[in-house]
Amino acid sequence: MLVAILGATATGKSRLALDLAERHGGEIISCDSTAVYRYFDIGTDKVPVSERRGVPHHLIDIVEPTETYSAAQFARDAARVVRDITERGKLPILVGGTGFYYRALTRGLFEGAGRDDALRARLHAMSARRRTPFLHRMVARLDPLSATRIMPRDEKRLVRALEVYFLTGQPLSAHFAETRSALPGYRILALALRLPSALVAERVTRRVNEQFARGVVGEVRRLLAAAVPEEAHPFSGLVYRQILELLHGVRDEEATRALIVRENKRYARRQLIWFRKEPNLHWLDGAGEWPTTLAAAELALDTWRLAHGTDS
């Protein structure tokens, strides 16, 4: 079986995963589209090695910042790791908030509709002329479900969503319904953490302040000094994009912190919308570090094993 711990940012997923892994002989597989990149640590909230309690973590720091890592690649890598953990008699625990990666692993990806370079060029030109959020508004009109999972400034994925729509006449999200899991035959217990929006906002604010206290601005300076180009994909993500703007003088640190908090709260809402549409999630109302949440997760796991007649 596979246990998945999902949910919005700052809900305590990593803490719950560690607690379950310690109690049930588990190993953790990251389901995070930014944690795969080396050297981007503070802004991605990777659990430091010193705080992993000896629990093996997989799919963290596996590609260089200048490389491109896709959901399809994640599905292949995660499926391989899940099978390896199972064969060694351990419990695989998938943890993260990248809903698209979770769907790619558990339900598969649409791989059809080849590229149309002329169409892509027009869409990129439109993005340059009218800014990337304009493409996001187009996607929201034509494919609302995809718009909930794609960041407003993720030009690459927005162009792909529009390309698929104009080439096939169907939204990308509709094609996903016809895909297949990378883990056929695996039973999956998916636990999703849910908190009131006010509490999420409070935790997001605290996390952003901690990131600055830990030196995330210095981290970005070191990456740039190491010749990581600003066009590298992880620099397009939350926190890093805003800090690049801070270093370019777009706004001061106080305004940058406030912007990162606002963007994280928006991202948390999009994550919640995404996971609400995922089938077969077992929702837990509580933060991952709360004893009541751990107790509820343990009960769900024990019930699941009894219902499926398995201790593995």
C-alpha atoms as a PDB file:
ATOM      1  CA  MET A   1       0.000   0.000   0.000  1.00  0.00           C
ATOM      2  CA  LEU A   2       0.943   3.654  -0.322  1.00  0.00           C
ATOM      3  CA  VAL A   3       0.082   6.345   2.223  1.00  0.00           C
ATOM      4  CA  ALA A   4      -0.191   9.881   0.841  1.00  0.00           C
ATOM      5  CA  ILE A   5      -0.256  12.987   3.031  1.00  0.00           C
ATOM      6  CA  LEU A   6      -1.558  15.934   1.047  1.00  0.00           C
ATOM      7  CA  GLY A   7      -2.871  19.434   1.609  1.00  0.00           C
ATOM      8  CA  ALA A   8      -2.163  23.120   1.317  1.00  0.00           C
ATOM      9  CA  THR A   9       1.059  24.846   2.250  1.00  0.00           C
ATOM     10  CA  ALA A  10       1.890  25.353   5.942  1.00  0.00           C
ATOM     11  CA  THR A  11      -0.512  22.684   7.237  1.00  0.00           C
ATOM     12  CA  GLY A  12       2.183  20.478   8.808  1.00  0.00           C
ATOM     13  CA  LYS A  13       2.337  17.668   6.258  1.00  0.00           C
ATOM     14  CA  SER A  14       6.041  16.951   6.800  1.00  0.00           C
ATOM     15  CA  ARG A  15       5.658  16.625  10.568  1.00  0.00           C
ATOM     16  CA  LEU A  16       2.783  14.161  10.246  1.00  0.00           C
ATOM     17  CA  ALA A  17       4.715  12.147   7.652  1.00  0.00           C
ATOM     18  CA  LEU A  18       7.730  11.893   9.969  1.00  0.00           C
ATOM     19  CA  ASP A  19       5.580  10.781  12.911  1.00  0.00           C
ATOM     20  CA  LEU A  20       3.871   8.088  10.841  1.00  0.00           C
ATOM     21  CA  ALA A  21       7.150   6.948   9.310  1.00  0.00           C
ATOM     22  CA  GLU A  22       8.726   6.489  12.734  1.00  0.00           C
ATOM     23  CA  ARG A  23       5.769   4.490  14.025  1.00  0.00           C
ATOM     24  CA  HIS A  24       5.232   2.298  10.985  1.00  0.00           C
ATOM     25  CA  GLY A  25       8.661   1.740   9.469  1.00  0.00           C
ATOM     26  CA  GLY A  26       8.068   4.202   6.655  1.00  0.00           C
ATOM     27  CA  GLU A  27      10.168   6.061   4.150  1.00  0.00           C
ATOM     28  CA  ILE A  28       9.150   9.450   2.786  1.00  0.00           C
ATOM     29  CA  ILE A  29       8.768  10.397  -0.865  1.00  0.00           C
ATOM     30  CA  SER A  30       8.529  14.123  -1.556  1.00  0.00           C
ATOM     31  CA  CYS A  31       5.658  15.229  -3.780  1.00  0.00           C
ATOM     32  CA  ASP A  32       6.871  18.789  -4.288  1.00  0.00           C
ATOM     33  CA  SER A  33       7.732  20.371  -7.621  1.00  0.00           C
ATOM     34  CA  THR A  34      10.404  22.671  -6.124  1.00  0.00           C
ATOM     35  CA  ALA A  35      12.061  20.341  -3.609  1.00  0.00           C
ATOM     36  CA  VAL A  36      13.504  18.307  -6.489  1.00  0.00           C
ATOM     37  CA  TYR A  37      15.967  21.136  -7.238  1.00  0.00           C
ATOM     38  CA  ARG A  38      19.329  21.244  -5.518  1.00  0.00           C
ATOM     39  CA  TYR A  39      20.461  24.322  -3.530  1.00  0.00           C
ATOM     40  CA  PHE A  40      16.956  25.835  -3.267  1.00  0.00           C
ATOM     41  CA  ASP A  41      16.417  24.980   0.386  1.00  0.00           C
ATOM     42  CA  ILE A  42      15.056  27.746   2.614  1.00  0.00           C
ATOM     43  CA  GLY A  43      12.409  29.065   0.238  1.00  0.00           C
ATOM     44  CA  THR A  44      11.149  25.533  -0.456  1.00  0.00           C
ATOM     45  CA  ASP A  45      10.968  24.579   3.254  1.00  0.00           C
ATOM     46  CA  LYS A  46      12.846  21.325   2.810  1.00  0.00           C
ATOM     47  CA  VAL A  47      13.153  19.450   6.084  1.00  0.00           C
ATOM     48  CA  PRO A  48      16.862  19.723   7.039  1.00  0.00           C
ATOM     49  CA  VAL A  49      18.723  16.411   7.134  1.00  0.00           C
ATOM     50  CA  SER A  50      19.379  16.970  10.845  1.00  0.00           C
ATOM     51  CA  GLU A  51      15.606  17.020  11.494  1.00  0.00           C
ATOM     52  CA  ARG A  52      14.640  13.941   9.467  1.00  0.00           C
ATOM     53  CA  ARG A  53      15.078  11.612  12.491  1.00  0.00           C
ATOM     54  CA  GLY A  54      16.952   9.090  10.393  1.00  0.00           C
ATOM     55  CA  VAL A  55      13.924   8.520   8.157  1.00  0.00           C
ATOM     56  CA  PRO A  56      14.996   8.151   4.500  1.00  0.00           C
ATOM     57  CA  HIS A  57      13.660  10.894   2.209  1.00  0.00           C
ATOM     58  CA  HIS A  58      13.398  10.439  -1.558  1.00  0.00           C
ATOM     59  CA  LEU A  59      13.053  12.743  -4.599  1.00  0.00           C
ATOM     60  CA  ILE A  60      14.635  15.745  -2.872  1.00  0.00           C
ATOM     61  CA  ASP A  61      17.691  17.457  -4.427  1.00  0.00           C
ATOM     62  CA  ILE A  62      17.764  15.206  -7.470  1.00  0.00           C
ATOM     63  CA  VAL A  63      18.166  17.698 -10.356  1.00  0.00           C
ATOM     64  CA  GLU A  64      20.242  20.772 -11.062  1.00  0.00           C
ATOM     65  CA  PRO A  65      18.524  24.188 -11.051  1.00  0.00           C
ATOM     66  CA  THR A  66      19.122  24.595 -14.785  1.00  0.00           C
ATOM     67  CA  GLU A  67      17.373  21.332 -15.627  1.00  0.00           C
ATOM     68  CA  THR A  68      13.681  20.916 -16.341  1.00  0.00           C
ATOM     69  CA  TYR A  69      11.781  18.355 -14.294  1.00  0.00           C
ATOM     70  CA  SER A  70       8.278  17.385 -15.354  1.00  0.00           C
ATOM     71  CA  ALA A  71       5.268  15.768 -13.739  1.00  0.00           C
ATOM     72  CA  ALA A  72       5.705  12.825 -16.109  1.00  0.00           C
ATOM     73  CA  GLN A  73       9.268  12.338 -14.893  1.00  0.00           C
ATOM     74  CA  PHE A  74       8.068  12.575 -11.303  1.00  0.00           C
ATOM     75  CA  ALA A  75       5.469   9.870 -11.908  1.00  0.00           C
ATOM     76  CA  ARG A  76       8.129   7.529 -13.297  1.00  0.00           C
ATOM     77  CA  ASP A  77      10.609   8.269 -10.516  1.00  0.00           C
ATOM     78  CA  ALA A  78       8.053   8.091  -7.708  1.00  0.00           C
ATOM     79  CA  ALA A  79       6.576   4.817  -8.984  1.00  0.00           C
ATOM     80  CA  ARG A  80      10.060   3.284  -9.040  1.00  0.00           C
ATOM     81  CA  VAL A  81      10.815   4.499  -5.501  1.00  0.00           C
ATOM     82  CA  VAL A  82       7.440   3.315  -4.151  1.00  0.00           C
ATOM     83  CA  ARG A  83       8.018  -0.196  -5.525  1.00  0.00           C
ATOM     84  CA  ASP A  84      11.564  -0.293  -4.145  1.00  0.00           C
ATOM     85  CA  ILE A  85      10.407   0.733  -0.658  1.00  0.00           C
ATOM     86  CA  THR A  86       7.647  -1.876  -0.732  1.00  0.00           C
ATOM     87  CA  GLU A  87      10.033  -4.624  -1.843  1.00  0.00           C
ATOM     88  CA  ARG A  88      12.248  -3.835   1.147  1.00  0.00           C
ATOM     89  CA  GLY A  89       9.316  -4.321   3.506  1.00  0.00           C
ATOM     90  CA  LYS A  90       8.910  -0.640   4.356  1.00  0.00           C
ATOM     91  CA  LEU A  91       5.861   1.614   4.115  1.00  0.00           C
ATOM     92  CA  PRO A  92       6.054   4.251   1.341  1.00  0.00           C
ATOM     93  CA  ILE A  93       4.685   7.621   2.495  1.00  0.00           C
ATOM     94  CA  LEU A  94       4.160  10.259  -0.169  1.00  0.00           C
ATOM     95  CA  VAL A  95       4.011  13.800   1.204  1.00  0.00           C
ATOM     96  CA  GLY A  96       3.559  17.176  -0.430  1.00  0.00           C
ATOM     97  CA  GLY A  97       1.270  19.801  -1.840  1.00  0.00           C
ATOM     98  CA  THR A  98       1.864  19.570  -5.592  1.00  0.00           C
ATOM     99  CA  GLY A  99      -1.497  18.194  -6.614  1.00  0.00           C
ATOM    100  CA  PHE A 100      -0.507  17.815 -10.252  1.00  0.00           C
ATOM    101  CA  TYR A 101       2.376  15.515  -9.290  1.00  0.00           C
ATOM    102  CA  TYR A 102       0.053  13.424  -7.112  1.00  0.00           C
ATOM    103  CA  ARG A 103      -2.418  13.090  -9.942  1.00  0.00           C
ATOM    104  CA  ALA A 104       0.342  12.198 -12.407  1.00  0.00           C
ATOM    105  CA  LEU A 105       1.437   9.353 -10.132  1.00  0.00           C
ATOM    106  CA  THR A 106      -1.964   8.009  -9.118  1.00  0.00           C
ATOM    107  CA  ARG A 107      -4.061   8.678 -12.220  1.00  0.00           C
ATOM    108  CA  GLY A 108      -1.577   9.297 -15.010  1.00  0.00           C
ATOM    109  CA  LEU A 109      -0.936  12.107 -17.467  1.00  0.00           C
ATOM    110  CA  PHE A 110      -2.227  13.032 -20.880  1.00  0.00           C
ATOM    111  CA  GLU A 111       0.680  12.656 -23.317  1.00  0.00           C
ATOM    112  CA  GLY A 112      -1.058  13.242 -26.634  1.00  0.00           C
ATOM    113  CA  ALA A 113      -1.399  16.345 -28.816  1.00  0.00           C
ATOM    114  CA  GLY A 114       2.042  16.955 -30.205  1.00  0.00           C
ATOM    115  CA  ARG A 115       3.596  20.394 -30.152  1.00  0.00           C
ATOM    116  CA  ASP A 116       2.712  23.117 -32.652  1.00  0.00           C
ATOM    117  CA  ASP A 117       5.704  25.456 -32.809  1.00  0.00           C
ATOM    118  CA  ALA A 118       3.850  28.188 -34.704  1.00  0.00           C
ATOM    119  CA  LEU A 119       1.003  28.206 -32.174  1.00  0.00           C
ATOM    120  CA  ARG A 120       3.451  28.220 -29.282  1.00  0.00           C
ATOM    121  CA  ALA A 121       5.326  31.143 -30.786  1.00  0.00           C
ATOM    122  CA  ARG A 122       2.090  33.148 -31.048  1.00  0.00           C
ATOM    123  CA  LEU A 123       1.174  32.359 -27.448  1.00  0.00           C
ATOM    124  CA  HIS A 124       4.626  33.290 -26.179  1.00  0.00           C
ATOM    125  CA  ALA A 125       4.465  36.524 -28.158  1.00  0.00           C
ATOM    126  CA  MET A 126       1.057  37.244 -26.625  1.00  0.00           C
ATOM    127  CA  SER A 127       2.528  36.628 -23.179  1.00  0.00           C
ATOM    128  CA  ALA A 128       5.387  39.033 -23.868  1.00  0.00           C
ATOM    129  CA  ARG A 129       3.000  41.686 -25.140  1.00  0.00           C
ATOM    130  CA  ARG A 130       0.187  41.374 -22.606  1.00  0.00           C
ATOM    131  CA  ARG A 131       2.003  39.644 -19.711  1.00  0.00           C
ATOM    132  CA  THR A 132       1.710  36.038 -18.562  1.00  0.00           C
ATOM    133  CA  PRO A 133      -1.334  36.521 -16.263  1.00  0.00           C
ATOM    134  CA  PHE A 134      -3.310  37.280 -19.434  1.00  0.00           C
ATOM    135  CA  LEU A 135      -2.663  33.697 -20.568  1.00  0.00           C
ATOM    136  CA  HIS A 136      -3.840  32.502 -17.168  1.00  0.00           C
ATOM    137  CA  ARG A 137      -7.138  34.353 -17.654  1.00  0.00           C
ATOM    138  CA  MET A 138      -7.523  32.662 -21.030  1.00  0.00           C
ATOM    139  CA  VAL A 139      -6.935  29.258 -19.452  1.00  0.00           C
ATOM    140  CA  ALA A 140      -9.416  30.085 -16.684  1.00  0.00           C
ATOM    141  CA  ARG A 141     -12.060  30.770 -19.314  1.00  0.00           C
ATOM    142  CA  LEU A 142     -11.327  27.729 -21.496  1.00  0.00           C
ATOM    143  CA  ASP A 143     -10.163  25.211 -18.899  1.00  0.00           C
ATOM    144  CA  PRO A 144     -11.091  26.327 -15.348  1.00  0.00           C
ATOM    145  CA  LEU A 145      -9.788  23.164 -13.705  1.00  0.00           C
ATOM    146  CA  SER A 146      -6.321  23.554 -15.203  1.00  0.00           C
ATOM    147  CA  ALA A 147      -6.311  27.199 -14.143  1.00  0.00           C
ATOM    148  CA  THR A 148      -6.594  26.113 -10.496  1.00  0.00           C
ATOM    149  CA  ARG A 149      -3.391  24.075 -10.703  1.00  0.00           C
ATOM    150  CA  ILE A 150      -1.205  26.328 -12.884  1.00  0.00           C
ATOM    151  CA  MET A 151       0.448  29.372 -11.352  1.00  0.00           C
ATOM    152  CA  PRO A 152      -0.514  32.667 -13.071  1.00  0.00           C
ATOM    153  CA  ARG A 153       3.125  33.265 -14.097  1.00  0.00           C
ATOM    154  CA  ASP A 154       3.972  29.720 -15.197  1.00  0.00           C
ATOM    155  CA  GLU A 155       4.173  30.584 -18.876  1.00  0.00           C
ATOM    156  CA  LYS A 156       5.385  27.159 -20.007  1.00  0.00           C
ATOM    157  CA  ARG A 157       2.430  25.237 -18.565  1.00  0.00           C
ATOM    158  CA  LEU A 158      -0.096  27.908 -19.525  1.00  0.00           C
ATOM    159  CA  VAL A 159       1.092  27.757 -23.136  1.00  0.00           C
ATOM    160  CA  ARG A 160       0.825  23.948 -23.080  1.00  0.00           C
ATOM    161  CA  ALA A 161      -2.731  24.063 -21.715  1.00  0.00           C
ATOM    162  CA  LEU A 162      -3.794  26.496 -24.427  1.00  0.00           C
ATOM    163  CA  GLU A 163      -1.943  24.548 -27.099  1.00  0.00           C
ATOM    164  CA  VAL A 164      -3.793  21.344 -26.181  1.00  0.00           C
ATOM    165  CA  TYR A 165      -7.128  23.136 -26.163  1.00  0.00           C
ATOM    166  CA  PHE A 166      -6.659  24.754 -29.580  1.00  0.00           C
ATOM    167  CA  LEU A 167      -5.239  21.580 -31.154  1.00  0.00           C
ATOM    168  CA  THR A 168      -7.807  19.123 -29.790  1.00  0.00           C
ATOM    169  CA  GLY A 169     -10.851  21.243 -29.039  1.00  0.00           C
ATOM    170  CA  GLN A 170     -10.891  19.839 -25.505  1.00  0.00           C
ATOM    171  CA  PRO A 171      -9.386  21.225 -22.289  1.00  0.00           C
ATOM    172  CA  LEU A 172      -6.298  19.553 -20.916  1.00  0.00           C
ATOM    173  CA  SER A 173      -8.219  18.568 -17.778  1.00  0.00           C
ATOM    174  CA  ALA A 174     -10.677  16.565 -19.893  1.00  0.00           C
ATOM    175  CA  HIS A 175      -7.843  14.526 -21.376  1.00  0.00           C
ATOM    176  CA  PHE A 176      -6.560  13.670 -17.908  1.00  0.00           C
ATOM    177  CA  ALA A 177      -9.768  11.748 -17.228  1.00  0.00           C
ATOM    178  CA  GLU A 178      -8.635   9.156 -19.792  1.00  0.00           C
ATOM    179  CA  THR A 179      -5.201   8.534 -18.279  1.00  0.00           C
ATOM    180  CA  ARG A 180      -3.901   5.590 -16.215  1.00  0.00           C
ATOM    181  CA  SER A 181      -2.029   5.336 -12.940  1.00  0.00           C
ATOM    182  CA  ALA A 182       1.735   4.797 -12.798  1.00  0.00           C
ATOM    183  CA  LEU A 183       1.014   2.449  -9.858  1.00  0.00           C
ATOM    184  CA  PRO A 184      -1.578  -0.024 -11.171  1.00  0.00           C
ATOM    185  CA  GLY A 185      -2.754  -2.370  -8.479  1.00  0.00           C
ATOM    186  CA  TYR A 186      -1.514  -0.270  -5.563  1.00  0.00           C
ATOM    187  CA  ARG A 187      -3.936   0.535  -2.773  1.00  0.00           C
ATOM    188  CA  ILE A 188      -3.604   4.170  -1.748  1.00  0.00           C
ATOM    189  CA  LEU A 189      -4.677   5.723   1.538  1.00  0.00           C
ATOM    190  CA  ALA A 190      -4.709   9.455   0.839  1.00  0.00           C
ATOM    191  CA  LEU A 191      -4.893  11.692   3.914  1.00  0.00           C
ATOM    192  CA  ALA A 192      -5.491  15.399   3.306  1.00  0.00           C
ATOM    193  CA  LEU A 193      -4.935  18.061   5.975  1.00  0.00           C
ATOM    194  CA  ARG A 194      -7.429  20.893   6.251  1.00  0.00           C
ATOM    195  CA  LEU A 195      -7.291  24.029   8.399  1.00  0.00           C
ATOM    196  CA  PRO A 196      -9.476  27.153   8.698  1.00  0.00           C
ATOM    197  CA  SER A 197      -8.305  29.880   6.323  1.00  0.00           C
ATOM    198  CA  ALA A 198      -7.495  32.255   9.191  1.00  0.00           C
ATOM    199  CA  LEU A 199      -5.179  29.677  10.752  1.00  0.00           C
ATOM    200  CA  VAL A 200      -3.518  28.975   7.400  1.00  0.00           C
ATOM    201  CA  ALA A 201      -2.911  32.724   6.996  1.00  0.00           C
ATOM    202  CA  GLU A 202      -1.353  32.906  10.465  1.00  0.00           C
ATOM    203  CA  ARG A 203       0.909  29.921   9.797  1.00  0.00           C
ATOM    204  CA  VAL A 204       1.917  31.227   6.368  1.00  0.00           C
ATOM    205  CA  THR A 205       2.915  34.579   7.881  1.00  0.00           C
ATOM    206  CA  ARG A 206       4.998  32.850  10.540  1.00  0.00           C
ATOM    207  CA  ARG A 207       6.680  30.629   7.935  1.00  0.00           C
ATOM    208  CA  VAL A 208       7.601  33.583   5.706  1.00  0.00           C
ATOM    209  CA  ASN A 209       9.097  35.450   8.659  1.00  0.00           C
ATOM    210  CA  GLU A 210      11.098  32.330   9.556  1.00  0.00           C
ATOM    211  CA  GLN A 211      12.372  32.042   5.985  1.00  0.00           C
ATOM    212  CA  PHE A 212      13.719  35.586   6.133  1.00  0.00           C
ATOM    213  CA  ALA A 213      15.216  34.965   9.580  1.00  0.00           C
ATOM    214  CA  ARG A 214      16.968  31.847   8.258  1.00  0.00           C
ATOM    215  CA  GLY A 215      18.508  33.870   5.431  1.00  0.00           C
ATOM    216  CA  VAL A 216      16.493  33.201   2.299  1.00  0.00           C
ATOM    217  CA  VAL A 217      17.698  36.483   0.755  1.00  0.00           C
ATOM    218  CA  GLY A 218      21.273  35.360   1.277  1.00  0.00           C
ATOM    219  CA  GLU A 219      20.426  32.007  -0.261  1.00  0.00           C
ATOM    220  CA  VAL A 220      19.261  33.748  -3.433  1.00  0.00           C
ATOM    221  CA  ARG A 221      22.398  35.896  -3.504  1.00  0.00           C
ATOM    222  CA  ARG A 222      24.570  32.784  -3.226  1.00  0.00           C
ATOM    223  CA  LEU A 223      22.670  31.058  -6.041  1.00  0.00           C
ATOM    224  CA  LEU A 224      23.142  34.046  -8.313  1.00  0.00           C
ATOM    225  CA  ALA A 225      26.829  34.277  -7.360  1.00  0.00           C
ATOM    226  CA  ALA A 226      27.149  30.589  -8.289  1.00  0.00           C
ATOM    227  CA  ALA A 227      25.949  31.504 -11.807  1.00  0.00           C
ATOM    228  CA  VAL A 228      22.477  30.018 -11.505  1.00  0.00           C
ATOM    229  CA  PRO A 229      20.582  32.079 -14.117  1.00  0.00           C
ATOM    230  CA  GLU A 230      17.502  34.016 -13.118  1.00  0.00           C
ATOM    231  CA  GLU A 231      15.664  32.149 -15.877  1.00  0.00           C
ATOM    232  CA  ALA A 232      16.182  28.814 -14.058  1.00  0.00           C
ATOM    233  CA  HIS A 233      12.830  27.193 -13.370  1.00  0.00           C
ATOM    234  CA  PRO A 234      12.966  27.184  -9.537  1.00  0.00           C
ATOM    235  CA  PHE A 235      13.453  30.956  -9.575  1.00  0.00           C
ATOM    236  CA  SER A 236       9.955  31.251 -11.061  1.00  0.00           C
ATOM    237  CA  GLY A 237       8.348  29.817  -7.941  1.00  0.00           C
ATOM    238  CA  LEU A 238       6.898  31.491  -4.887  1.00  0.00           C
ATOM    239  CA  VAL A 239       9.359  33.242  -2.571  1.00  0.00           C
ATOM    240  CA  TYR A 240      12.249  33.136  -5.049  1.00  0.00           C
ATOM    241  CA  ARG A 241      10.515  35.205  -7.721  1.00  0.00           C
ATOM    242  CA  GLN A 242       9.622  37.920  -5.228  1.00  0.00           C
ATOM    243  CA  ILE A 243      13.122  37.973  -3.720  1.00  0.00           C
ATOM    244  CA  LEU A 244      14.645  38.422  -7.165  1.00  0.00           C
ATOM    245  CA  GLU A 245      12.398  41.466  -7.522  1.00  0.00           C
ATOM    246  CA  LEU A 246      13.568  42.675  -4.102  1.00  0.00           C
ATOM    247  CA  LEU A 247      17.189  42.423  -5.229  1.00  0.00           C
ATOM    248  CA  HIS A 248      16.307  44.354  -8.384  1.00  0.00           C
ATOM    249  CA  GLY A 249      14.808  47.146  -6.299  1.00  0.00           C
ATOM    250  CA  VAL A 250      11.191  46.561  -7.316  1.00  0.00           C
ATOM    251  CA  ARG A 251      10.082  46.819  -3.654  1.00  0.00           C
ATOM    252  CA  ASP A 252      11.649  46.885  -0.194  1.00  0.00           C
ATOM    253  CA  GLU A 253      11.907  43.946   2.204  1.00  0.00           C
ATOM    254  CA  GLU A 254       8.780  44.788   4.192  1.00  0.00           C
ATOM    255  CA  ALA A 255       6.673  44.985   1.036  1.00  0.00           C
ATOM    256  CA  THR A 256       8.322  41.802  -0.274  1.00  0.00           C
ATOM    257  CA  ARG A 257       7.410  39.870   2.858  1.00  0.00           C
ATOM    258  CA  ALA A 258       3.831  41.093   2.644  1.00  0.00           C
ATOM    259  CA  LEU A 259       3.618  40.104  -1.030  1.00  0.00           C
ATOM    260  CA  ILE A 260       5.002  36.624  -0.369  1.00  0.00           C
ATOM    261  CA  VAL A 261       2.448  36.131   2.392  1.00  0.00           C
ATOM    262  CA  ARG A 262      -0.393  37.204   0.095  1.00  0.00           C
ATOM    263  CA  GLU A 263       0.802  34.969  -2.745  1.00  0.00           C
ATOM    264  CA  ASN A 264       1.175  32.004  -0.400  1.00  0.00           C
ATOM    265  CA  LYS A 265      -2.353  32.482   0.899  1.00  0.00           C
ATOM    266  CA  ARG A 266      -3.655  32.544  -2.673  1.00  0.00           C
ATOM    267  CA  TYR A 267      -1.625  29.442  -3.460  1.00  0.00           C
ATOM    268  CA  ALA A 268      -3.042  27.662  -0.399  1.00  0.00           C
ATOM    269  CA  ARG A 269      -6.568  28.413  -1.607  1.00  0.00           C
ATOM    270  CA  ARG A 270      -5.768  27.007  -5.052  1.00  0.00           C
ATOM    271  CA  GLN A 271      -4.279  23.887  -3.478  1.00  0.00           C
ATOM    272  CA  LEU A 272      -7.405  23.365  -1.397  1.00  0.00           C
ATOM    273  CA  ILE A 273      -9.617  23.758  -4.478  1.00  0.00           C
ATOM    274  CA  TRP A 274      -7.453  21.247  -6.332  1.00  0.00           C
ATOM    275  CA  PHE A 275      -7.494  18.601  -3.609  1.00  0.00           C
ATOM    276  CA  ARG A 276     -11.226  18.979  -3.051  1.00  0.00           C
ATOM    277  CA  LYS A 277     -11.642  17.715  -6.607  1.00  0.00           C
ATOM    278  CA  GLU A 278      -9.389  14.705  -6.070  1.00  0.00           C
ATOM    279  CA  PRO A 279     -11.376  11.499  -5.452  1.00  0.00           C
ATOM    280  CA  ASN A 280     -11.024   9.250  -2.414  1.00  0.00           C
ATOM    281  CA  LEU A 281      -9.255  11.628  -0.034  1.00  0.00           C
ATOM    282  CA  HIS A 282      -9.670  11.113   3.708  1.00  0.00           C
ATOM    283  CA  TRP A 283      -9.802  14.619   5.202  1.00  0.00           C
ATOM    284  CA  LEU A 284      -8.218  15.379   8.565  1.00  0.00           C
ATOM    285  CA  ASP A 285      -9.161  18.646  10.268  1.00  0.00           C
ATOM    286  CA  GLY A 286      -5.995  19.668  12.048  1.00  0.00           C
ATOM    287  CA  ALA A 287      -2.369  20.620  11.655  1.00  0.00           C
ATOM    288  CA  GLY A 288       0.146  17.851  11.094  1.00  0.00           C
ATOM    289  CA  GLU A 289       1.932  18.411  14.415  1.00  0.00           C
ATOM    290  CA  TRP A 290      -1.217  18.226  16.545  1.00  0.00           C
ATOM    291  CA  PRO A 291      -1.574  14.995  18.592  1.00  0.00           C
ATOM    292  CA  THR A 292      -5.235  14.779  17.589  1.00  0.00           C
ATOM    293  CA  THR A 293      -4.270  14.824  13.905  1.00  0.00           C
ATOM    294  CA  LEU A 294      -1.725  12.050  14.388  1.00  0.00           C
ATOM    295  CA  ALA A 295      -4.313  10.009  16.294  1.00  0.00           C
ATOM    296  CA  ALA A 296      -6.843  10.490  13.478  1.00  0.00           C
ATOM    297  CA  ALA A 297      -4.238   9.490  10.892  1.00  0.00           C
ATOM    298  CA  GLU A 298      -3.321   6.354  12.860  1.00  0.00           C
ATOM    299  CA  LEU A 299      -6.995   5.425  13.147  1.00  0.00           C
ATOM    300  CA  ALA A 300      -7.466   5.904   9.404  1.00  0.00           C
ATOM    301  CA  LEU A 301      -4.424   3.734   8.681  1.00  0.00           C
ATOM    302  CA  ASP A 302      -5.496   0.956  11.046  1.00  0.00           C
ATOM    303  CA  THR A 303      -9.049   1.021   9.657  1.00  0.00           C
ATOM    304  CA  TRP A 304      -7.719   0.924   6.116  1.00  0.00           C
ATOM    305  CA  ARG A 305      -5.559  -2.117   6.845  1.00  0.00           C
ATOM    306  CA  LEU A 306      -8.442  -3.958   8.478  1.00  0.00           C
ATOM    307  CA  ALA A 307     -10.804  -3.127   5.622  1.00  0.00           C
ATOM    308  CA  HIS A 308      -8.332  -4.400   3.023  1.00  0.00           C
ATOM    309  CA  GLY A 309      -7.141  -7.368   5.012  1.00  0.00           C
ATOM    310  CA  THR A 310      -3.496  -6.376   4.984  1.00  0.00           C
ATOM    311  CA  ASP A 311      -0.790  -5.313   7.409  1.00  0.00           C
ATOM    312  CA  SER A 312       1.438  -4.012   4.615  1.00  0.00           C
END
